[in-house]
Structures are given as C-alpha cells and as structure tokens.
Amino acid sequence: MDLAQELFARWVRAGTRIAFVLLVAGYVIYVFGLLAPQVPPEQLARLWGLPLAEYLAASGAPTGWQWLALAGHGDYFNYVGIAALAVIVPLAYLRTLPVLVRHARAHALIALLELAVLLAAASGLLHSI
C-alpha cells in the first residue's frame, strides 16, 4: 500500500471511530433524556401521520442545515454523529490531497472532482436540478 492509501485509511479509521462514539453518545443522550428533546416523545405518534408541511409546522422541525441550531436537543444531537460519518471521506481526501499532488496528479484531480461534487451536494446547490 502506498503512502496516500495508508494516510487515507488512517483518516477513515480514526473518523469512523470518532463518529461511532458520537452515535453511541447520541443514543445514550436521547434514551436517558440527558438533553431535553425538541419534540417530546409522547407527541411523536400524533405527528408522524401528518403530511410533511404540517409535520414541519407542528414540530418545529428544521430543514436542510438548520438542524445545527437544534443540536443541543436530545432528539437532534444524534445528527452530529451522522454528520461526522458524512465528512469522513471528504476530510480524508483533503488530508491525502497534498501527497497525491506530489506523487499521483491524476488521482489528485479525481479527488478534487469528488470533493467538488460532495461540496455541491452538501450545499444544496443540486436540490433545484
């Protein structure tokens, strides 16, 4: 395995471990009520059957990246672990990019293109297409 692959693998392994800890923490926080939820569990059954627009209005649920403002609530903290999982590969690419530029320019270009697609998708630019 070459240097870039080893570096990428180390970052993915470390990121996965961190994300796993955050996911477990989110579960524990929600189940044990360590942080107050945005939507009380006793209201969930009533809200789940609503059409989306009505659910969003009744629950105050965010759309897009607005969940970040609610990450201090027990039912939204678990999104932190999910977001951590989502950024593992882009961060690993960013860390590996300098090595790829020095030793494998074609792979560096592919990594840059992948990062551009991931950034466009995460930003919501592709939502209207």
Protein backbone atom coordinates (compact mmCIF):
# COMPACT_ATOMS: atom_id res chain seq x y z
CA MET A 1 0.00 0.00 0.00
CA ASP A 2 1.44 3.39 -0.89
CA LEU A 3 1.69 6.46 1.34
CA ALA A 4 -1.52 8.10 0.09
CA GLN A 5 -3.56 4.92 0.62
CA GLU A 6 -2.16 4.43 4.13
CA LEU A 7 -2.85 8.05 5.04
CA PHE A 8 -6.39 7.85 3.66
CA ALA A 9 -7.04 4.60 5.51
CA ARG A 10 -5.75 6.04 8.82
CA TRP A 11 -8.04 9.05 8.50
CA VAL A 12 -11.05 6.91 7.61
CA ARG A 13 -10.33 4.57 10.54
CA ALA A 14 -9.95 7.46 13.02
CA GLY A 15 -13.01 9.28 11.66
CA THR A 16 -15.12 6.16 11.83
CA ARG A 17 -14.17 5.60 15.46
CA ILE A 18 -14.99 9.20 16.36
CA ALA A 19 -18.31 9.04 14.53
CA PHE A 20 -19.18 5.75 16.24
CA VAL A 21 -18.57 7.31 19.67
CA LEU A 22 -20.76 10.29 18.71
CA LEU A 23 -23.53 7.98 17.50
CA VAL A 24 -23.46 5.96 20.72
CA ALA A 25 -23.39 9.18 22.76
CA GLY A 26 -26.39 10.49 20.81
CA TYR A 27 -28.30 7.30 21.51
CA VAL A 28 -27.48 7.39 25.23
CA ILE A 29 -28.35 11.09 25.46
CA TYR A 30 -31.72 10.55 23.81
CA VAL A 31 -32.71 7.32 25.57
CA PHE A 32 -31.80 8.57 29.04
CA GLY A 33 -33.15 12.08 28.46
CA LEU A 34 -29.85 13.78 29.25
CA LEU A 35 -30.82 16.64 26.92
CA ALA A 36 -34.40 17.83 26.50
CA PRO A 37 -35.84 16.83 23.11
CA GLN A 38 -37.18 19.37 20.63
CA VAL A 39 -40.24 17.17 20.17
CA PRO A 40 -41.39 15.30 23.28
CA PRO A 41 -41.63 11.53 22.64
CA GLU A 42 -45.30 11.44 23.69
CA GLN A 43 -46.15 13.74 20.73
CA LEU A 44 -44.30 11.73 18.09
CA ALA A 45 -47.07 9.21 17.33
CA ARG A 46 -49.53 12.03 16.62
CA LEU A 47 -47.03 13.93 14.44
CA TRP A 48 -45.75 11.02 12.35
CA GLY A 49 -49.03 10.64 10.48
CA LEU A 50 -49.13 14.26 9.31
CA PRO A 51 -48.22 15.38 5.80
CA LEU A 52 -44.71 16.83 5.65
CA ALA A 53 -45.64 20.51 5.66
CA GLU A 54 -47.96 20.02 8.63
CA TYR A 55 -45.35 17.93 10.47
CA LEU A 56 -42.72 20.62 9.99
CA ALA A 57 -45.08 23.32 11.23
CA ALA A 58 -46.35 21.34 14.23
CA SER A 59 -42.97 20.03 15.37
CA GLY A 60 -40.77 23.00 14.55
CA ALA A 61 -38.51 20.53 12.74
CA PRO A 62 -35.76 22.13 10.68
CA THR A 63 -34.95 21.50 7.06
CA GLY A 64 -31.53 21.41 5.45
CA TRP A 65 -28.64 22.51 7.66
CA GLN A 66 -30.96 24.22 10.15
CA TRP A 67 -30.69 21.13 12.38
CA LEU A 68 -27.34 22.51 13.60
CA ALA A 69 -29.19 25.10 15.68
CA LEU A 70 -31.03 22.27 17.45
CA ALA A 71 -28.02 20.00 18.07
CA GLY A 72 -28.30 20.79 21.79
CA HIS A 73 -31.59 18.89 21.94
CA GLY A 74 -31.63 15.17 22.66
CA ASP A 75 -33.51 14.25 19.51
CA TYR A 76 -31.15 16.22 17.26
CA PHE A 77 -27.81 15.50 18.90
CA ASN A 78 -27.66 12.16 17.06
CA TYR A 79 -27.37 14.13 13.80
CA VAL A 80 -23.87 15.14 14.96
CA GLY A 81 -22.73 11.51 14.66
CA ILE A 82 -24.43 11.15 11.28
CA ALA A 83 -22.76 14.34 10.04
CA ALA A 84 -19.42 13.05 11.35
CA LEU A 85 -19.89 9.90 9.26
CA ALA A 86 -20.66 12.04 6.23
CA VAL A 87 -17.48 14.14 6.48
CA ILE A 88 -15.02 11.29 6.99
CA VAL A 89 -14.24 10.70 3.31
CA PRO A 90 -14.02 14.39 2.33
CA LEU A 91 -11.65 15.07 5.24
CA ALA A 92 -9.57 12.04 4.33
CA TYR A 93 -9.36 13.29 0.74
CA LEU A 94 -8.33 16.75 1.91
CA ARG A 95 -5.61 15.28 4.10
CA THR A 96 -4.39 13.00 1.33
CA LEU A 97 -4.51 15.64 -1.41
CA PRO A 98 -1.01 17.10 -0.84
CA VAL A 99 0.53 13.61 -1.13
CA LEU A 100 -1.50 12.91 -4.26
CA VAL A 101 -0.42 16.20 -5.85
CA ARG A 102 3.24 15.28 -5.30
CA HIS A 103 3.04 11.64 -6.38
CA ALA A 104 -0.14 10.95 -8.39
CA ARG A 105 -1.54 14.03 -10.10
CA ALA A 106 -4.27 12.13 -11.92
CA HIS A 107 -5.53 10.76 -8.62
CA ALA A 108 -5.30 14.26 -7.13
CA LEU A 109 -7.55 15.56 -9.90
CA ILE A 110 -10.07 12.77 -9.28
CA ALA A 111 -10.03 13.55 -5.54
CA LEU A 112 -10.60 17.25 -6.25
CA LEU A 113 -13.51 16.46 -8.55
CA GLU A 114 -15.04 14.17 -5.94
CA LEU A 115 -14.66 16.87 -3.30
CA ALA A 116 -16.36 19.37 -5.60
CA VAL A 117 -19.32 17.02 -6.15
CA LEU A 118 -19.63 16.30 -2.41
CA LEU A 119 -19.48 20.01 -1.58
CA ALA A 120 -22.10 20.85 -4.20
CA ALA A 121 -24.38 18.11 -2.88
CA ALA A 122 -23.96 19.16 0.76
CA SER A 123 -24.54 22.83 -0.05
CA GLY A 124 -27.93 22.17 -1.57
CA LEU A 125 -26.91 23.50 -5.00
CA LEU A 126 -28.10 20.29 -6.63
CA HIS A 127 -31.50 20.46 -4.91
CA SER A 128 -33.07 22.58 -7.63
CA ILE A 129 -31.77 20.47 -10.52
